Amino acid sequence: MNLLRDIYEILRVLEHGNHGFPTAGWYRTCPSRKMLPLSLRAATFARDHKDVLVDTVKNGCDLFIPMTALGYARLSPGTVGVLGVVSSLAAIAGLVDPEARLEPS
């Protein structure tokens, strides 16, 4: 359910037009911001909406760990361990940095 909430938050950000695009520089005069490279759009979204990104990464990792234990996904034990570490680091980032914590909407 938390992953669905993250998808809702991402859609809400995209719907309001607040894509995290920079407002200065050469890309401000770009006639269509959709012409910007995907990597630049993703980087600005990640910078401006760090809370949504961290929570989505954490919940995405938390989804695959029990799916593997239940037999719905086939991941190696090492991969499950890496997903656990990434999930834990994302949770710690939310505790340490208040900007990385997704508040209830």
PDB file of N, CA and C in Angstrom:
ATOM      1  N   MET A   1       0.820  -1.199   0.000  1.00  0.00           N
ATOM      2  CA  MET A   1       0.000   0.000   0.000  1.00  0.00           C
ATOM      3  C   MET A   1       0.863   1.262   0.000  1.00  0.00           C
ATOM      4  N   ASN A   2       2.011   1.192   0.671  1.00  0.00           N
ATOM      5  CA  ASN A   2       2.888   2.363   0.685  1.00  0.00           C
ATOM      6  C   ASN A   2       3.432   2.671  -0.710  1.00  0.00           C
ATOM      7  N   LEU A   3       3.678   1.637  -1.490  1.00  0.00           N
ATOM      8  CA  LEU A   3       4.165   1.852  -2.850  1.00  0.00           C
ATOM      9  C   LEU A   3       3.078   2.500  -3.710  1.00  0.00           C
ATOM     10  N   LEU A   4       1.835   2.123  -3.506  1.00  0.00           N
ATOM     11  CA  LEU A   4       0.730   2.772  -4.218  1.00  0.00           C
ATOM     12  C   LEU A   4       0.618   4.244  -3.820  1.00  0.00           C
ATOM     13  N   ARG A   5       0.854   4.529  -2.557  1.00  0.00           N
ATOM     14  CA  ARG A   5       0.842   5.925  -2.102  1.00  0.00           C
ATOM     15  C   ARG A   5       1.950   6.714  -2.792  1.00  0.00           C
ATOM     16  N   ASP A   6       3.117   6.096  -2.948  1.00  0.00           N
ATOM     17  CA  ASP A   6       4.218   6.773  -3.627  1.00  0.00           C
ATOM     18  C   ASP A   6       3.875   7.055  -5.085  1.00  0.00           C
ATOM     19  N   ILE A   7       3.236   6.098  -5.741  1.00  0.00           N
ATOM     20  CA  ILE A   7       2.813   6.309  -7.131  1.00  0.00           C
ATOM     21  C   ILE A   7       1.810   7.450  -7.202  1.00  0.00           C
ATOM     22  N   TYR A   8       0.898   7.504  -6.231  1.00  0.00           N
ATOM     23  CA  TYR A   8      -0.073   8.602  -6.177  1.00  0.00           C
ATOM     24  C   TYR A   8       0.644   9.939  -6.002  1.00  0.00           C
ATOM     25  N   GLU A   9       1.637   9.993  -5.136  1.00  0.00           N
ATOM     26  CA  GLU A   9       2.377  11.237  -4.919  1.00  0.00           C
ATOM     27  C   GLU A   9       3.118  11.669  -6.182  1.00  0.00           C
ATOM     28  N   ILE A  10       3.720  10.711  -6.891  1.00  0.00           N
ATOM     29  CA  ILE A  10       4.422  11.029  -8.134  1.00  0.00           C
ATOM     30  C   ILE A  10       3.434  11.574  -9.163  1.00  0.00           C
ATOM     31  N   LEU A  11       2.292  10.932  -9.292  1.00  0.00           N
ATOM     32  CA  LEU A  11       1.279  11.407 -10.245  1.00  0.00           C
ATOM     33  C   LEU A  11       0.763  12.780  -9.858  1.00  0.00           C
ATOM     34  N   ARG A  12       0.623  13.029  -8.563  1.00  0.00           N
ATOM     35  CA  ARG A  12       0.155  14.335  -8.102  1.00  0.00           C
ATOM     36  C   ARG A  12       1.165  15.422  -8.429  1.00  0.00           C
ATOM     37  N   VAL A  13       2.457  15.119  -8.250  1.00  0.00           N
ATOM     38  CA  VAL A  13       3.496  16.092  -8.585  1.00  0.00           C
ATOM     39  C   VAL A  13       3.483  16.373 -10.083  1.00  0.00           C
ATOM     40  N   LEU A  14       3.358  15.327 -10.884  1.00  0.00           N
ATOM     41  CA  LEU A  14       3.337  15.513 -12.334  1.00  0.00           C
ATOM     42  C   LEU A  14       2.083  16.237 -12.795  1.00  0.00           C
ATOM     43  N   GLU A  15       0.961  15.998 -12.129  1.00  0.00           N
ATOM     44  CA  GLU A  15      -0.294  16.633 -12.509  1.00  0.00           C
ATOM     45  C   GLU A  15      -0.277  18.129 -12.247  1.00  0.00           C
ATOM     46  N   HIS A  16       0.353  18.532 -11.158  1.00  0.00           N
ATOM     47  CA  HIS A  16       0.399  19.952 -10.820  1.00  0.00           C
ATOM     48  C   HIS A  16       1.420  20.714 -11.642  1.00  0.00           C
ATOM     49  N   GLY A  17       2.147  19.993 -12.473  1.00  0.00           N
ATOM     50  CA  GLY A  17       3.113  20.657 -13.338  1.00  0.00           C
ATOM     51  C   GLY A  17       4.390  21.024 -12.630  1.00  0.00           C
ATOM     52  N   ASN A  18       4.537  20.639 -11.386  1.00  0.00           N
ATOM     53  CA  ASN A  18       5.759  20.926 -10.639  1.00  0.00           C
ATOM     54  C   ASN A  18       6.710  19.760 -10.823  1.00  0.00           C
ATOM     55  N   HIS A  19       7.304  19.675 -11.992  1.00  0.00           N
ATOM     56  CA  HIS A  19       8.156  18.540 -12.326  1.00  0.00           C
ATOM     57  C   HIS A  19       9.542  18.669 -11.747  1.00  0.00           C
ATOM     58  N   GLY A  20       9.802  19.744 -11.058  1.00  0.00           N
ATOM     59  CA  GLY A  20      11.142  19.923 -10.538  1.00  0.00           C
ATOM     60  C   GLY A  20      12.091  20.481 -11.572  1.00  0.00           C
ATOM     61  N   PHE A  21      11.563  21.176 -12.588  1.00  0.00           N
ATOM     62  CA  PHE A  21      12.430  21.739 -13.599  1.00  0.00           C
ATOM     63  C   PHE A  21      13.105  22.991 -13.066  1.00  0.00           C
ATOM     64  N   PRO A  22      14.349  23.184 -13.398  1.00  0.00           N
ATOM     65  CA  PRO A  22      15.026  24.415 -13.002  1.00  0.00           C
ATOM     66  C   PRO A  22      14.383  25.617 -13.688  1.00  0.00           C
ATOM     67  N   THR A  23      14.468  26.756 -13.029  1.00  0.00           N
ATOM     68  CA  THR A  23      13.836  27.951 -13.589  1.00  0.00           C
ATOM     69  C   THR A  23      14.857  28.913 -14.172  1.00  0.00           C
ATOM     70  N   ALA A  24      16.121  28.549 -14.183  1.00  0.00           N
ATOM     71  CA  ALA A  24      17.146  29.420 -14.739  1.00  0.00           C
ATOM     72  C   ALA A  24      18.035  28.605 -15.668  1.00  0.00           C
ATOM     73  N   GLY A  25      18.738  29.295 -16.520  1.00  0.00           N
ATOM     74  CA  GLY A  25      19.666  28.617 -17.418  1.00  0.00           C
ATOM     75  C   GLY A  25      19.083  28.471 -18.810  1.00  0.00           C
ATOM     76  N   TRP A  26      19.813  27.744 -19.661  1.00  0.00           N
ATOM     77  CA  TRP A  26      19.412  27.592 -21.055  1.00  0.00           C
ATOM     78  C   TRP A  26      18.102  26.845 -21.194  1.00  0.00           C
ATOM     79  N   TYR A  27      17.770  25.950 -20.257  1.00  0.00           N
ATOM     80  CA  TYR A  27      16.563  25.157 -20.380  1.00  0.00           C
ATOM     81  C   TYR A  27      15.313  25.955 -20.054  1.00  0.00           C
ATOM     82  N   ARG A  28      15.467  27.149 -19.480  1.00  0.00           N
ATOM     83  CA  ARG A  28      14.295  27.979 -19.206  1.00  0.00           C
ATOM     84  C   ARG A  28      13.708  28.511 -20.507  1.00  0.00           C
ATOM     85  N   THR A  29      14.553  28.779 -21.475  1.00  0.00           N
ATOM     86  CA  THR A  29      14.095  29.315 -22.751  1.00  0.00           C
ATOM     87  C   THR A  29      13.704  28.218 -23.732  1.00  0.00           C
ATOM     88  N   CYS A  30      13.833  26.974 -23.320  1.00  0.00           N
ATOM     89  CA  CYS A  30      13.489  25.843 -24.185  1.00  0.00           C
ATOM     90  C   CYS A  30      11.991  25.883 -24.486  1.00  0.00           C
ATOM     91  N   PRO A  31      11.583  25.841 -25.761  1.00  0.00           N
ATOM     92  CA  PRO A  31      10.162  25.955 -26.081  1.00  0.00           C
ATOM     93  C   PRO A  31       9.319  24.826 -25.503  1.00  0.00           C
ATOM     94  N   SER A  32       9.868  23.675 -25.419  1.00  0.00           N
ATOM     95  CA  SER A  32       9.145  22.547 -24.840  1.00  0.00           C
ATOM     96  C   SER A  32      10.056  21.838 -23.865  1.00  0.00           C
ATOM     97  N   ARG A  33       9.668  21.848 -22.603  1.00  0.00           N
ATOM     98  CA  ARG A  33      10.515  21.204 -21.602  1.00  0.00           C
ATOM     99  C   ARG A  33      10.540  19.701 -21.785  1.00  0.00           C
ATOM    100  N   LYS A  34       9.622  19.157 -22.575  1.00  0.00           N
ATOM    101  CA  LYS A  34       9.662  17.733 -22.858  1.00  0.00           C
ATOM    102  C   LYS A  34      10.825  17.389 -23.770  1.00  0.00           C
ATOM    103  N   MET A  35      11.438  18.408 -24.377  1.00  0.00           N
ATOM    104  CA  MET A  35      12.585  18.173 -25.240  1.00  0.00           C
ATOM    105  C   MET A  35      13.857  17.996 -24.426  1.00  0.00           C
ATOM    106  N   LEU A  36      13.797  18.270 -23.125  1.00  0.00           N
ATOM    107  CA  LEU A  36      14.971  18.105 -22.282  1.00  0.00           C
ATOM    108  C   LEU A  36      15.350  16.633 -22.206  1.00  0.00           C
ATOM    109  N   PRO A  37      16.607  16.339 -22.079  1.00  0.00           N
ATOM    110  CA  PRO A  37      17.017  14.942 -21.943  1.00  0.00           C
ATOM    111  C   PRO A  37      16.383  14.316 -20.696  1.00  0.00           C
ATOM    112  N   LEU A  38      16.070  13.044 -20.811  1.00  0.00           N
ATOM    113  CA  LEU A  38      15.418  12.342 -19.715  1.00  0.00           C
ATOM    114  C   LEU A  38      16.283  12.353 -18.464  1.00  0.00           C
ATOM    115  N   SER A  39      17.589  12.262 -18.627  1.00  0.00           N
ATOM    116  CA  SER A  39      18.474  12.260 -17.466  1.00  0.00           C
ATOM    117  C   SER A  39      18.412  13.585 -16.715  1.00  0.00           C
ATOM    118  N   LEU A  40      18.291  14.699 -17.446  1.00  0.00           N
ATOM    119  CA  LEU A  40      18.187  16.002 -16.792  1.00  0.00           C
ATOM    120  C   LEU A  40      16.849  16.137 -16.081  1.00  0.00           C
ATOM    121  N   ARG A  41      15.775  15.665 -16.716  1.00  0.00           N
ATOM    122  CA  ARG A  41      14.455  15.716 -16.073  1.00  0.00           C
ATOM    123  C   ARG A  41      14.432  14.858 -14.815  1.00  0.00           C
ATOM    124  N   ALA A  42      15.023  13.663 -14.885  1.00  0.00           N
ATOM    125  CA  ALA A  42      15.042  12.774 -13.720  1.00  0.00           C
ATOM    126  C   ALA A  42      15.900  13.355 -12.602  1.00  0.00           C
ATOM    127  N   ALA A  43      17.015  13.954 -12.952  1.00  0.00           N
ATOM    128  CA  ALA A  43      17.893  14.532 -11.932  1.00  0.00           C
ATOM    129  C   ALA A  43      17.230  15.707 -11.227  1.00  0.00           C
ATOM    130  N   THR A  44      16.539  16.551 -11.970  1.00  0.00           N
ATOM    131  CA  THR A  44      15.878  17.684 -11.326  1.00  0.00           C
ATOM    132  C   THR A  44      14.685  17.224 -10.497  1.00  0.00           C
ATOM    133  N   PHE A  45      13.973  16.198 -10.951  1.00  0.00           N
ATOM    134  CA  PHE A  45      12.872  15.654 -10.156  1.00  0.00           C
ATOM    135  C   PHE A  45      13.415  15.073  -8.853  1.00  0.00           C
ATOM    136  N   ALA A  46      14.514  14.337  -8.934  1.00  0.00           N
ATOM    137  CA  ALA A  46      15.107  13.726  -7.741  1.00  0.00           C
ATOM    138  C   ALA A  46      15.610  14.792  -6.779  1.00  0.00           C
ATOM    139  N   ARG A  47      16.157  15.873  -7.301  1.00  0.00           N
ATOM    140  CA  ARG A  47      16.664  16.937  -6.438  1.00  0.00           C
ATOM    141  C   ARG A  47      15.533  17.680  -5.740  1.00  0.00           C
ATOM    142  N   ASP A  48      14.470  17.967  -6.462  1.00  0.00           N
ATOM    143  CA  ASP A  48      13.393  18.773  -5.908  1.00  0.00           C
ATOM    144  C   ASP A  48      12.365  17.969  -5.129  1.00  0.00           C
ATOM    145  N   HIS A  49      12.285  16.683  -5.352  1.00  0.00           N
ATOM    146  CA  HIS A  49      11.301  15.835  -4.667  1.00  0.00           C
ATOM    147  C   HIS A  49      12.008  14.636  -4.048  1.00  0.00           C
ATOM    148  N   LYS A  50      13.007  14.950  -3.230  1.00  0.00           N
ATOM    149  CA  LYS A  50      13.816  13.904  -2.613  1.00  0.00           C
ATOM    150  C   LYS A  50      12.977  13.005  -1.712  1.00  0.00           C
ATOM    151  N   ASP A  51      11.969  13.564  -1.056  1.00  0.00           N
ATOM    152  CA  ASP A  51      11.148  12.772  -0.150  1.00  0.00           C
ATOM    153  C   ASP A  51      10.396  11.664  -0.882  1.00  0.00           C
ATOM    154  N   VAL A  52       9.838  11.980  -2.037  1.00  0.00           N
ATOM    155  CA  VAL A  52       9.108  10.977  -2.815  1.00  0.00           C
ATOM    156  C   VAL A  52      10.071   9.923  -3.350  1.00  0.00           C
ATOM    157  N   LEU A  53      11.234  10.341  -3.802  1.00  0.00           N
ATOM    158  CA  LEU A  53      12.210   9.408  -4.355  1.00  0.00           C
ATOM    159  C   LEU A  53      12.709   8.424  -3.303  1.00  0.00           C
ATOM    160  N   VAL A  54      13.084   8.931  -2.133  1.00  0.00           N
ATOM    161  CA  VAL A  54      13.606   8.056  -1.075  1.00  0.00           C
ATOM    162  C   VAL A  54      12.544   7.074  -0.617  1.00  0.00           C
ATOM    163  N   ASP A  55      11.314   7.537  -0.446  1.00  0.00           N
ATOM    164  CA  ASP A  55      10.245   6.651   0.001  1.00  0.00           C
ATOM    165  C   ASP A  55       9.906   5.610  -1.063  1.00  0.00           C
ATOM    166  N   THR A  56       9.935   5.979  -2.331  1.00  0.00           N
ATOM    167  CA  THR A  56       9.651   5.026  -3.402  1.00  0.00           C
ATOM    168  C   THR A  56      10.735   3.952  -3.490  1.00  0.00           C
ATOM    169  N   VAL A  57      11.990   4.336  -3.347  1.00  0.00           N
ATOM    170  CA  VAL A  57      13.082   3.359  -3.363  1.00  0.00           C
ATOM    171  C   VAL A  57      12.944   2.398  -2.190  1.00  0.00           C
ATOM    172  N   LYS A  58      12.672   2.940  -1.007  1.00  0.00           N
ATOM    173  CA  LYS A  58      12.534   2.101   0.183  1.00  0.00           C
ATOM    174  C   LYS A  58      11.382   1.116   0.034  1.00  0.00           C
ATOM    175  N   ASN A  59      10.243   1.595  -0.409  1.00  0.00           N
ATOM    176  CA  ASN A  59       9.078   0.724  -0.546  1.00  0.00           C
ATOM    177  C   ASN A  59       9.224  -0.262  -1.705  1.00  0.00           C
ATOM    178  N   GLY A  60       9.935   0.121  -2.750  1.00  0.00           N
ATOM    179  CA  GLY A  60      10.193  -0.811  -3.842  1.00  0.00           C
ATOM    180  C   GLY A  60      11.078  -1.962  -3.395  1.00  0.00           C
ATOM    181  N   CYS A  61      12.090  -1.649  -2.598  1.00  0.00           N
ATOM    182  CA  CYS A  61      12.940  -2.719  -2.055  1.00  0.00           C
ATOM    183  C   CYS A  61      12.151  -3.590  -1.087  1.00  0.00           C
ATOM    184  N   ASP A  62      11.329  -2.964  -0.257  1.00  0.00           N
ATOM    185  CA  ASP A  62      10.534  -3.713   0.713  1.00  0.00           C
ATOM    186  C   ASP A  62       9.487  -4.597   0.050  1.00  0.00           C
ATOM    187  N   LEU A  63       9.145  -4.336  -1.179  1.00  0.00           N
ATOM    188  CA  LEU A  63       8.175  -5.169  -1.890  1.00  0.00           C
ATOM    189  C   LEU A  63       8.797  -6.494  -2.323  1.00  0.00           C
ATOM    190  N   PHE A  64      10.028  -6.461  -2.818  1.00  0.00           N
ATOM    191  CA  PHE A  64      10.632  -7.657  -3.385  1.00  0.00           C
ATOM    192  C   PHE A  64      11.173  -8.631  -2.335  1.00  0.00           C
ATOM    193  N   ILE A  65      11.469  -8.162  -1.147  1.00  0.00           N
ATOM    194  CA  ILE A  65      12.004  -9.056  -0.115  1.00  0.00           C
ATOM    195  C   ILE A  65      10.972 -10.117   0.282  1.00  0.00           C
ATOM    196  N   PRO A  66       9.744  -9.758   0.668  1.00  0.00           N
ATOM    197  CA  PRO A  66       8.771 -10.809   1.003  1.00  0.00           C
ATOM    198  C   PRO A  66       8.287 -11.590  -0.223  1.00  0.00           C
ATOM    199  N   MET A  67       8.284 -10.950  -1.405  1.00  0.00           N
ATOM    200  CA  MET A  67       7.877 -11.686  -2.603  1.00  0.00           C
ATOM    201  C   MET A  67       8.842 -12.831  -2.886  1.00  0.00           C
ATOM    202  N   THR A  68      10.121 -12.622  -2.605  1.00  0.00           N
ATOM    203  CA  THR A  68      11.100 -13.681  -2.789  1.00  0.00           C
ATOM    204  C   THR A  68      10.901 -14.784  -1.758  1.00  0.00           C
ATOM    205  N   ALA A  69      10.637 -14.406  -0.515  1.00  0.00           N
ATOM    206  CA  ALA A  69      10.437 -15.404   0.537  1.00  0.00           C
ATOM    207  C   ALA A  69       9.189 -16.238   0.273  1.00  0.00           C
ATOM    208  N   LEU A  70       8.166 -15.649  -0.332  1.00  0.00           N
ATOM    209  CA  LEU A  70       6.934 -16.376  -0.621  1.00  0.00           C
ATOM    210  C   LEU A  70       6.995 -17.147  -1.932  1.00  0.00           C
ATOM    211  N   GLY A  71       8.052 -16.968  -2.704  1.00  0.00           N
ATOM    212  CA  GLY A  71       8.224 -17.721  -3.934  1.00  0.00           C
ATOM    213  C   GLY A  71       7.643 -17.062  -5.173  1.00  0.00           C
ATOM    214  N   TYR A  72       7.190 -15.817  -5.077  1.00  0.00           N
ATOM    215  CA  TYR A  72       6.638 -15.114  -6.236  1.00  0.00           C
ATOM    216  C   TYR A  72       7.727 -14.489  -7.105  1.00  0.00           C
ATOM    217  N   ALA A  73       8.886 -14.239  -6.531  1.00  0.00           N
ATOM    218  CA  ALA A  73      10.020 -13.702  -7.273  1.00  0.00           C
ATOM    219  C   ALA A  73      11.219 -14.595  -6.974  1.00  0.00           C
ATOM    220  N   ARG A  74      12.104 -14.714  -7.940  1.00  0.00           N
ATOM    221  CA  ARG A  74      13.283 -15.555  -7.757  1.00  0.00           C
ATOM    222  C   ARG A  74      14.523 -14.677  -7.743  1.00  0.00           C
ATOM    223  N   LEU A  75      14.897 -14.240  -6.561  1.00  0.00           N
ATOM    224  CA  LEU A  75      16.095 -13.437  -6.388  1.00  0.00           C
ATOM    225  C   LEU A  75      17.076 -14.213  -5.531  1.00  0.00           C
ATOM    226  N   SER A  76      18.363 -14.009  -5.782  1.00  0.00           N
ATOM    227  CA  SER A  76      19.389 -14.691  -4.999  1.00  0.00           C
ATOM    228  C   SER A  76      19.433 -14.103  -3.584  1.00  0.00           C
ATOM    229  N   PRO A  77      19.963 -14.854  -2.644  1.00  0.00           N
ATOM    230  CA  PRO A  77      20.077 -14.322  -1.276  1.00  0.00           C
ATOM    231  C   PRO A  77      20.928 -13.055  -1.210  1.00  0.00           C
ATOM    232  N   GLY A  78      21.933 -12.948  -2.064  1.00  0.00           N
ATOM    233  CA  GLY A  78      22.745 -11.738  -2.092  1.00  0.00           C
ATOM    234  C   GLY A  78      21.951 -10.526  -2.544  1.00  0.00           C
ATOM    235  N   THR A  79      21.095 -10.731  -3.544  1.00  0.00           N
ATOM    236  CA  THR A  79      20.256  -9.637  -4.028  1.00  0.00           C
ATOM    237  C   THR A  79      19.266  -9.201  -2.959  1.00  0.00           C
ATOM    238  N   VAL A  80      18.693 -10.170  -2.255  1.00  0.00           N
ATOM    239  CA  VAL A  80      17.766  -9.847  -1.171  1.00  0.00           C
ATOM    240  C   VAL A  80      18.499  -9.062  -0.082  1.00  0.00           C
ATOM    241  N   GLY A  81      19.744  -9.436   0.197  1.00  0.00           N
ATOM    242  CA  GLY A  81      20.542  -8.708   1.179  1.00  0.00           C
ATOM    243  C   GLY A  81      20.819  -7.281   0.749  1.00  0.00           C
ATOM    244  N   VAL A  82      21.146  -7.098  -0.529  1.00  0.00           N
ATOM    245  CA  VAL A  82      21.394  -5.742  -1.046  1.00  0.00           C
ATOM    246  C   VAL A  82      20.111  -4.915  -0.972  1.00  0.00           C
ATOM    247  N   LEU A  83      18.976  -5.506  -1.320  1.00  0.00           N
ATOM    248  CA  LEU A  83      17.708  -4.785  -1.221  1.00  0.00           C
ATOM    249  C   LEU A  83      17.417  -4.390   0.227  1.00  0.00           C
ATOM    250  N   GLY A  84      17.741  -5.261   1.166  1.00  0.00           N
ATOM    251  CA  GLY A  84      17.557  -4.933   2.573  1.00  0.00           C
ATOM    252  C   GLY A  84      18.439  -3.786   3.022  1.00  0.00           C
ATOM    253  N   VAL A  85      19.678  -3.780   2.558  1.00  0.00           N
ATOM    254  CA  VAL A  85      20.600  -2.699   2.913  1.00  0.00           C
ATOM    255  C   VAL A  85      20.129  -1.383   2.309  1.00  0.00           C
ATOM    256  N   VAL A  86      19.721  -1.408   1.044  1.00  0.00           N
ATOM    257  CA  VAL A  86      19.239  -0.184   0.394  1.00  0.00           C
ATOM    258  C   VAL A  86      17.995   0.340   1.105  1.00  0.00           C
ATOM    259  N   SER A  87      17.087  -0.564   1.460  1.00  0.00           N
ATOM    260  CA  SER A  87      15.878  -0.161   2.176  1.00  0.00           C
ATOM    261  C   SER A  87      16.219   0.457   3.529  1.00  0.00           C
ATOM    262  N   SER A  88      17.152  -0.138   4.233  1.00  0.00           N
ATOM    263  CA  SER A  88      17.555   0.393   5.539  1.00  0.00           C
ATOM    264  C   SER A  88      18.231   1.750   5.407  1.00  0.00           C
ATOM    265  N   LEU A  89      19.089   1.908   4.406  1.00  0.00           N
ATOM    266  CA  LEU A  89      19.749   3.194   4.193  1.00  0.00           C
ATOM    267  C   LEU A  89      18.750   4.282   3.813  1.00  0.00           C
ATOM    268  N   ALA A  90      17.742   3.920   3.027  1.00  0.00           N
ATOM    269  CA  ALA A  90      16.714   4.897   2.666  1.00  0.00           C
ATOM    270  C   ALA A  90      15.902   5.296   3.893  1.00  0.00           C
ATOM    271  N   ALA A  91      15.619   4.342   4.770  1.00  0.00           N
ATOM    272  CA  ALA A  91      14.886   4.666   5.996  1.00  0.00           C
ATOM    273  C   ALA A  91      15.729   5.552   6.911  1.00  0.00           C
ATOM    274  N   ILE A  92      17.030   5.277   6.990  1.00  0.00           N
ATOM    275  CA  ILE A  92      17.913   6.110   7.805  1.00  0.00           C
ATOM    276  C   ILE A  92      18.014   7.511   7.220  1.00  0.00           C
ATOM    277  N   ALA A  93      18.051   7.617   5.891  1.00  0.00           N
ATOM    278  CA  ALA A  93      18.104   8.938   5.250  1.00  0.00           C
ATOM    279  C   ALA A  93      16.865   9.745   5.599  1.00  0.00           C
ATOM    280  N   GLY A  94      15.727   9.083   5.700  1.00  0.00           N
ATOM    281  CA  GLY A  94      14.502   9.777   6.093  1.00  0.00           C
ATOM    282  C   GLY A  94      14.524  10.246   7.531  1.00  0.00           C
ATOM    283  N   LEU A  95      15.239   9.542   8.384  1.00  0.00           N
ATOM    284  CA  LEU A  95      15.355   9.951   9.785  1.00  0.00           C
ATOM    285  C   LEU A  95      16.363  11.078   9.970  1.00  0.00           C
ATOM    286  N   VAL A  96      17.458  11.023   9.202  1.00  0.00           N
ATOM    287  CA  VAL A  96      18.530  11.998   9.361  1.00  0.00           C
ATOM    288  C   VAL A  96      18.188  13.325   8.686  1.00  0.00           C
ATOM    289  N   ASP A  97      17.662  13.259   7.478  1.00  0.00           N
ATOM    290  CA  ASP A  97      17.376  14.463   6.693  1.00  0.00           C
ATOM    291  C   ASP A  97      15.870  14.696   6.645  1.00  0.00           C
ATOM    292  N   PRO A  98      15.375  15.772   7.254  1.00  0.00           N
ATOM    293  CA  PRO A  98      13.926  16.023   7.247  1.00  0.00           C
ATOM    294  C   PRO A  98      13.359  16.235   5.842  1.00  0.00           C
ATOM    295  N   GLU A  99      14.192  16.686   4.889  1.00  0.00           N
ATOM    296  CA  GLU A  99      13.698  16.869   3.520  1.00  0.00           C
ATOM    297  C   GLU A  99      13.478  15.546   2.815  1.00  0.00           C
ATOM    298  N   ALA A 100      14.070  14.458   3.308  1.00  0.00           N
ATOM    299  CA  ALA A 100      13.936  13.152   2.694  1.00  0.00           C
ATOM    300  C   ALA A 100      12.792  12.345   3.305  1.00  0.00           C
ATOM    301  N   ARG A 101      12.058  12.939   4.227  1.00  0.00           N
ATOM    302  CA  ARG A 101      10.941  12.246   4.874  1.00  0.00           C
ATOM    303  C   ARG A 101       9.643  12.658   4.213  1.00  0.00           C
ATOM    304  N   LEU A 102       8.892  11.674   3.743  1.00  0.00           N
ATOM    305  CA  LEU A 102       7.604  11.934   3.099  1.00  0.00           C
ATOM    306  C   LEU A 102       6.546  12.074   4.168  1.00  0.00           C
ATOM    307  N   GLU A 103       5.957  13.242   4.253  1.00  0.00           N
ATOM    308  CA  GLU A 103       4.921  13.505   5.253  1.00  0.00           C
ATOM    309  C   GLU A 103       3.581  12.989   4.765  1.00  0.00           C
ATOM    310  N   PRO A 104       2.714  12.590   5.663  1.00  0.00           N
ATOM    311  CA  PRO A 104       1.371  12.151   5.235  1.00  0.00           C
ATOM    312  C   PRO A 104       0.634  13.288   4.528  1.00  0.00           C
ATOM    313  N   SER A 105      -0.036  12.943   3.435  1.00  0.00           N
ATOM    314  CA  SER A 105      -0.734  13.995   2.681  1.00  0.00           C
ATOM    315  C   SER A 105      -2.163  14.138   3.118  1.00  0.00           C
TER     316      SER A 105
END
